[in-house]
Structure formats: structure tokens, C-alpha cells
């Protein structure tokens, strides 16, 4: 292999690795910024409904032996 082809292959490999590194960092920053935006955009509301342990639920637990 000639010296010129070796240099071209090394430059190509280096360029690929630099690009892969930059792409990885860009992806990580995008993911982090999106999750922060979603977290700050959601208003905090007090939940008024949800799980309640009623007599019906207690009887189910007793029947299922939980």
C-alpha cells in the first residue's frame, strides 16, 4: 500500500471517529434538554383521585390472600 493511501485511510478513520464522538455528544445533549423541558412544562397538580382501599378492595385482598 502506498504512503498516500495509508495517510488517506488514517484521515478517513480519524474523521469518522471525530464525527461519531460529536454525534454522541449531540444526542446526549438533545435527550437531556428534552427531558428538562418536559419536566418544567408539566404543571404540578394535586391528585384528587387514585387508589383507595375500600371495603370492596379489602374483601378482594382477603379472598386472594394478599
Protein backbone atom coordinates (compact mmCIF):
# COMPACT_ATOMS: atom_id res chain seq x y z
CA UNK A 1 0.00 0.00 0.00
CA UNK A 2 1.42 3.35 -0.89
CA UNK A 3 2.13 6.02 1.69
CA UNK A 4 -0.53 8.28 0.20
CA UNK A 5 -3.27 5.63 0.56
CA UNK A 6 -2.23 4.94 4.16
CA UNK A 7 -2.49 8.63 5.03
CA UNK A 8 -5.89 8.86 3.38
CA UNK A 9 -7.15 5.81 5.31
CA UNK A 10 -5.89 7.23 8.62
CA UNK A 11 -7.54 10.59 7.92
CA UNK A 12 -10.77 8.86 6.99
CA UNK A 13 -10.73 6.80 10.19
CA UNK A 14 -9.98 9.87 12.31
CA UNK A 15 -12.76 11.82 10.66
CA UNK A 16 -15.21 9.02 11.32
CA UNK A 17 -14.24 8.77 14.99
CA UNK A 18 -14.46 12.55 15.45
CA UNK A 19 -17.87 12.58 13.83
CA UNK A 20 -19.09 9.68 15.94
CA UNK A 21 -17.95 11.44 19.10
CA UNK A 22 -19.64 14.69 18.16
CA UNK A 23 -22.83 12.85 17.21
CA UNK A 24 -22.87 11.04 20.56
CA UNK A 25 -22.47 14.26 22.50
CA UNK A 26 -25.13 15.99 20.43
CA UNK A 27 -27.54 13.12 21.04
CA UNK A 28 -26.92 13.19 24.79
CA UNK A 29 -27.49 16.95 24.94
CA UNK A 30 -30.69 16.65 22.95
CA UNK A 31 -32.05 13.94 25.24
CA UNK A 32 -31.14 15.90 28.36
CA UNK A 33 -32.62 19.16 27.11
CA UNK A 34 -35.86 17.44 26.04
CA UNK A 35 -36.36 15.79 29.43
CA UNK A 36 -35.75 19.07 31.25
CA UNK A 37 -38.23 20.85 29.01
CA UNK A 38 -40.88 18.20 29.63
CA UNK A 39 -40.28 18.27 33.37
CA UNK A 40 -40.59 22.04 33.62
CA UNK A 41 -43.57 22.26 31.26
CA UNK A 42 -45.82 19.92 33.25
CA UNK A 43 -47.81 21.79 35.92
CA UNK A 44 -47.93 20.18 39.32
CA UNK A 45 -51.48 19.31 40.29
CA UNK A 46 -52.65 17.67 43.46
CA UNK A 47 -54.18 14.30 42.66
CA UNK A 48 -57.74 14.05 43.89
CA UNK A 49 -58.44 10.57 42.63
CA UNK A 50 -56.46 7.39 42.74
CA UNK A 51 -56.12 4.23 44.72
CA UNK A 52 -58.42 3.95 47.70
CA UNK A 53 -58.63 0.90 49.87
CA UNK A 54 -62.36 0.48 50.11
CA UNK A 55 -64.34 -2.37 51.62
CA UNK A 56 -64.59 -3.93 48.16
CA UNK A 57 -60.80 -3.89 47.75
CA UNK A 58 -60.27 -5.29 51.25
CA UNK A 59 -62.66 -8.16 50.54
CA UNK A 60 -60.72 -8.93 47.32
CA UNK A 61 -57.42 -8.94 49.20
CA UNK A 62 -58.91 -11.29 51.78
CA UNK A 63 -60.20 -13.64 49.08
CA UNK A 64 -56.86 -13.57 47.24
CA UNK A 65 -54.86 -13.92 50.48
CA UNK A 66 -52.71 -10.82 49.95
